């Protein structure tokens, strides 16, 4: 698992969300600024203003529409992304708890891994700090599963050596623990793949959103 690459991409996602959030803030400030200009003009007794047909109102309405559009996108992305990684981490914790219960004659090593498990409490309000916290938990817990795999693999090999050394024909047990090891590997690889898909998807989707913002003729004309 290339954790460095995944962490780089998660930082890109957070940066893109930050850029999107900044764009929303700029739109809001621009609407407020135009409203102040408009209200000032309304109070000018010298100038005659057609309050029903003004470009300022039109510009404000366009910007309000853009603000609503990008705010909705922001909320959809951050809600979906956080939900995906929250659920992924919860699955990883369940796997780690199940692995902790395996009887592999390595109590100290087992406990050391167990105490490093990171659980994250679900919260209604999501921010960048919380997203980073969840991502760090996912990476940490995937690495702990790797540690359990190593521990279990050593246990399997030790059992096989003992059986050969003492001429113990315990083939069924060997087969059972080998299958268990393979099942753990399958689960680990499945959630590694899922983590990669989540990060890749949201990297590409947020890149697309920022590309749209940077190349928007509407924003260039009405905002900047």
Protein backbone atom coordinates (compact mmCIF):
# COMPACT_ATOMS: atom_id res chain seq x y z
CA UNK A 1 0.00 0.00 0.00
CA UNK A 2 1.46 3.35 -1.07
CA UNK A 3 0.37 5.43 1.89
CA UNK A 4 2.43 8.48 0.88
CA UNK A 5 0.62 8.73 -2.44
CA UNK A 6 -2.76 8.36 -0.75
CA UNK A 7 -1.93 11.04 1.82
CA UNK A 8 -0.75 13.35 -0.95
CA UNK A 9 -4.06 12.91 -2.75
CA UNK A 10 -6.08 13.42 0.44
CA UNK A 11 -4.23 16.71 0.91
CA UNK A 12 -5.22 17.65 -2.64
CA UNK A 13 -8.86 16.91 -1.82
CA UNK A 14 -8.72 19.11 1.28
CA UNK A 15 -6.99 21.88 -0.66
CA UNK A 16 -9.66 21.68 -3.37
CA UNK A 17 -12.40 21.86 -0.75
CA UNK A 18 -10.67 24.89 0.71
CA UNK A 19 -10.51 26.56 -2.72
CA UNK A 20 -14.18 25.80 -3.28
CA UNK A 21 -15.02 27.25 0.13
CA UNK A 22 -13.01 30.39 -0.70
CA UNK A 23 -14.93 30.77 -3.94
CA UNK A 24 -18.21 30.58 -2.03
CA UNK A 25 -16.95 33.25 0.38
CA UNK A 26 -15.93 35.52 -2.50
CA UNK A 27 -19.37 35.19 -4.07
CA UNK A 28 -21.05 36.05 -0.78
CA UNK A 29 -18.82 39.09 -0.26
CA UNK A 30 -19.43 40.27 -3.81
CA UNK A 31 -23.21 40.08 -3.36
CA UNK A 32 -22.90 42.05 -0.13
CA UNK A 33 -20.67 44.64 -1.80
CA UNK A 34 -23.06 45.13 -4.72
CA UNK A 35 -26.02 45.43 -2.35
CA UNK A 36 -24.23 48.24 -0.49
CA UNK A 37 -23.62 50.06 -3.76
CA UNK A 38 -27.23 49.60 -4.79
CA UNK A 39 -28.59 50.85 -1.47
CA UNK A 40 -26.32 53.87 -1.66
CA UNK A 41 -27.61 54.69 -5.14
CA UNK A 42 -31.19 54.39 -3.95
CA UNK A 43 -30.51 57.01 -1.32
CA UNK A 44 -29.04 59.44 -3.84
CA UNK A 45 -31.74 62.05 -4.52
CA UNK A 46 -29.87 63.49 -7.51
CA UNK A 47 -29.67 60.27 -9.50
CA UNK A 48 -32.76 58.69 -10.99
CA UNK A 49 -32.74 54.89 -10.71
CA UNK A 50 -35.09 52.41 -12.25
CA UNK A 51 -35.36 49.98 -9.32
CA UNK A 52 -37.20 47.43 -11.43
CA UNK A 53 -34.63 47.20 -14.22
CA UNK A 54 -31.06 47.54 -13.10
CA UNK A 55 -27.92 45.66 -14.02
CA UNK A 56 -26.90 45.65 -10.37
CA UNK A 57 -29.93 43.58 -9.42
CA UNK A 58 -29.29 41.30 -12.37
CA UNK A 59 -25.63 40.84 -11.39
CA UNK A 60 -26.64 40.15 -7.79
CA UNK A 61 -29.15 37.51 -8.83
CA UNK A 62 -26.59 35.76 -11.03
CA UNK A 63 -24.05 35.76 -8.20
CA UNK A 64 -26.62 34.50 -5.70
CA UNK A 65 -27.39 31.65 -8.06
CA UNK A 66 -23.68 30.81 -8.38
CA UNK A 67 -23.27 31.03 -4.61
CA UNK A 68 -26.15 28.61 -4.04
CA UNK A 69 -24.82 26.27 -6.73
CA UNK A 70 -21.26 26.04 -5.37
CA UNK A 71 -22.40 25.91 -1.74
CA UNK A 72 -24.60 22.92 -2.59
CA UNK A 73 -21.69 21.22 -4.35
CA UNK A 74 -19.41 21.88 -1.37
CA UNK A 75 -21.90 20.41 1.09
CA UNK A 76 -22.56 17.39 -1.12
CA UNK A 77 -18.85 16.64 -1.54
CA UNK A 78 -17.74 17.11 2.06
CA UNK A 79 -20.75 15.16 3.38
CA UNK A 80 -20.26 12.22 1.00
CA UNK A 81 -16.47 12.12 1.37
CA UNK A 82 -16.58 12.21 5.18
CA UNK A 83 -19.33 9.55 5.23
CA UNK A 84 -17.28 7.22 3.02
CA UNK A 85 -14.11 7.46 5.11
CA UNK A 86 -16.05 7.31 8.40
CA UNK A 87 -17.69 4.05 7.32
CA UNK A 88 -14.41 2.66 6.03
CA UNK A 89 -12.74 3.30 9.37
CA UNK A 90 -15.63 1.70 11.24
CA UNK A 91 -15.24 -1.46 9.14
CA UNK A 92 -11.50 -1.49 9.84
CA UNK A 93 -12.11 -1.19 13.58
CA UNK A 94 -14.52 -4.15 13.45
CA UNK A 95 -11.91 -6.23 11.63
CA UNK A 96 -9.25 -5.28 14.16
CA UNK A 97 -11.53 -6.21 17.07
CA UNK A 98 -12.17 -9.59 15.45
CA UNK A 99 -8.44 -10.14 14.88
CA UNK A 100 -7.74 -9.25 18.49
CA UNK A 101 -9.91 -12.20 19.58
CA UNK A 102 -7.87 -14.72 17.61
CA UNK A 103 -5.99 -17.14 19.84
CA UNK A 104 -2.49 -17.00 18.40
CA UNK A 105 -0.34 -17.43 21.54
CA UNK A 106 1.08 -13.91 21.21
CA UNK A 107 -0.71 -12.02 24.00
CA UNK A 108 1.79 -9.16 24.40
CA UNK A 109 2.08 -8.41 20.69
CA UNK A 110 -1.69 -8.75 20.36
CA UNK A 111 -2.32 -6.21 23.12
CA UNK A 112 0.24 -3.78 21.71
CA UNK A 113 -1.59 -3.71 18.41
CA UNK A 114 -4.99 -3.54 20.09
CA UNK A 115 -4.11 -0.42 22.09
CA UNK A 116 -3.11 1.43 18.90
CA UNK A 117 -6.57 1.11 17.30
CA UNK A 118 -8.01 4.52 16.43
CA UNK A 119 -11.77 5.01 16.66
CA UNK A 120 -13.41 8.25 15.53
CA UNK A 121 -16.69 9.53 16.93
CA UNK A 122 -19.21 10.68 14.32
CA UNK A 123 -20.01 14.38 14.51
CA UNK A 124 -22.66 16.47 12.82
CA UNK A 125 -20.30 19.29 11.83
CA UNK A 126 -17.47 18.28 9.51
CA UNK A 127 -14.36 20.38 8.98
CA UNK A 128 -10.94 19.88 7.40
CA UNK A 129 -9.35 18.99 10.74
CA UNK A 130 -11.90 16.23 11.31
CA UNK A 131 -11.37 14.86 7.78
CA UNK A 132 -7.61 14.70 8.37
CA UNK A 133 -8.26 12.95 11.69
CA UNK A 134 -10.40 10.29 10.00
CA UNK A 135 -7.86 9.78 7.20
CA UNK A 136 -5.06 9.35 9.75
CA UNK A 137 -7.21 6.80 11.59
CA UNK A 138 -7.83 4.84 8.37
CA UNK A 139 -4.12 4.75 7.55
CA UNK A 140 -3.23 3.81 11.13
CA UNK A 141 -5.80 1.00 11.26
CA UNK A 142 -4.80 -0.43 7.88
CA UNK A 143 -1.21 -0.59 9.13
CA UNK A 144 -2.42 -2.35 12.28
CA UNK A 145 -4.14 -4.96 10.14
CA UNK A 146 -0.79 -5.43 8.39
CA UNK A 147 0.77 -5.97 11.82
CA UNK A 148 -1.87 -8.57 12.67
CA UNK A 149 -1.24 -10.30 9.34
CA UNK A 150 2.48 -10.47 10.13
CA UNK A 151 1.74 -11.74 13.64
CA UNK A 152 -0.71 -14.35 12.37
CA UNK A 153 1.63 -15.43 9.59
CA UNK A 154 4.41 -15.98 12.14
CA UNK A 155 1.97 -18.03 14.20
CA UNK A 156 1.07 -20.17 11.17
CA UNK A 157 4.69 -20.80 10.27
CA UNK A 158 5.53 -21.64 13.88
CA UNK A 159 2.71 -24.19 14.04
CA UNK A 160 3.87 -25.77 10.78
CA UNK A 161 7.47 -26.02 12.05
CA UNK A 162 6.38 -27.59 15.34
CA UNK A 163 4.21 -30.11 13.56
CA UNK A 164 7.06 -31.14 11.28
CA UNK A 165 9.63 -31.18 14.07
CA UNK A 166 7.53 -33.35 16.37
CA UNK A 167 5.91 -35.36 13.58
CA UNK A 168 2.41 -34.21 14.53
CA UNK A 169 -0.15 -34.95 11.83
CA UNK A 170 -2.37 -31.98 12.50
CA UNK A 171 -3.16 -31.22 8.88
CA UNK A 172 -6.73 -30.09 9.44
CA UNK A 173 -5.70 -27.43 11.93
CA UNK A 174 -2.92 -26.26 9.64
CA UNK A 175 -5.36 -25.99 6.77
CA UNK A 176 -7.82 -24.05 8.97
CA UNK A 177 -5.30 -21.43 10.09
CA UNK A 178 -3.85 -21.10 6.57
CA UNK A 179 -7.34 -20.44 5.22
CA UNK A 180 -7.92 -17.94 8.02
CA UNK A 181 -4.72 -16.14 7.10
CA UNK A 182 -5.79 -16.01 3.46
CA UNK A 183 -9.22 -14.66 4.44
CA UNK A 184 -7.58 -11.90 6.48
CA UNK A 185 -5.44 -11.00 3.46
CA UNK A 186 -8.51 -10.85 1.24
CA UNK A 187 -10.28 -8.52 3.68
CA UNK A 188 -7.19 -6.33 3.99
CA UNK A 189 -6.77 -6.06 0.22
CA UNK A 190 -10.49 -5.33 -0.21
CA UNK A 191 -10.39 -2.36 2.14
CA UNK A 192 -7.08 -1.14 0.74
CA UNK A 193 -8.72 -1.11 -2.69
CA UNK A 194 -11.78 0.65 -1.30
CA UNK A 195 -9.63 3.34 0.32
CA UNK A 196 -7.76 3.87 -2.96
CA UNK A 197 -11.05 4.15 -4.90
CA UNK A 198 -12.47 6.68 -2.45
CA UNK A 199 -9.37 8.86 -2.54
CA UNK A 200 -9.00 8.61 -6.33
CA UNK A 201 -12.66 9.41 -6.94
CA UNK A 202 -12.74 12.49 -4.73
CA UNK A 203 -9.37 13.71 -5.99
CA UNK A 204 -10.66 13.58 -9.57
CA UNK A 205 -14.09 15.01 -8.75
CA UNK A 206 -12.77 17.95 -6.71
CA UNK A 207 -10.13 18.62 -9.37
CA UNK A 208 -12.97 18.82 -11.90
CA UNK A 209 -14.87 21.29 -9.69
CA UNK A 210 -11.83 23.56 -9.28
CA UNK A 211 -11.18 23.35 -13.02
CA UNK A 212 -14.74 24.51 -13.64
CA UNK A 213 -14.31 27.44 -11.24
CA UNK A 214 -11.01 28.50 -12.78
CA UNK A 215 -12.46 28.39 -16.30
CA UNK A 216 -15.92 29.78 -15.59
CA UNK A 217 -16.76 32.66 -17.95
CA UNK A 218 -19.71 33.53 -15.70
CA UNK A 219 -17.45 34.02 -12.69
CA UNK A 220 -14.94 36.00 -14.74
CA UNK A 221 -17.67 38.33 -15.98
CA UNK A 222 -19.78 38.77 -12.86
CA UNK A 223 -17.34 38.14 -9.97
CA UNK A 224 -13.77 39.11 -10.78
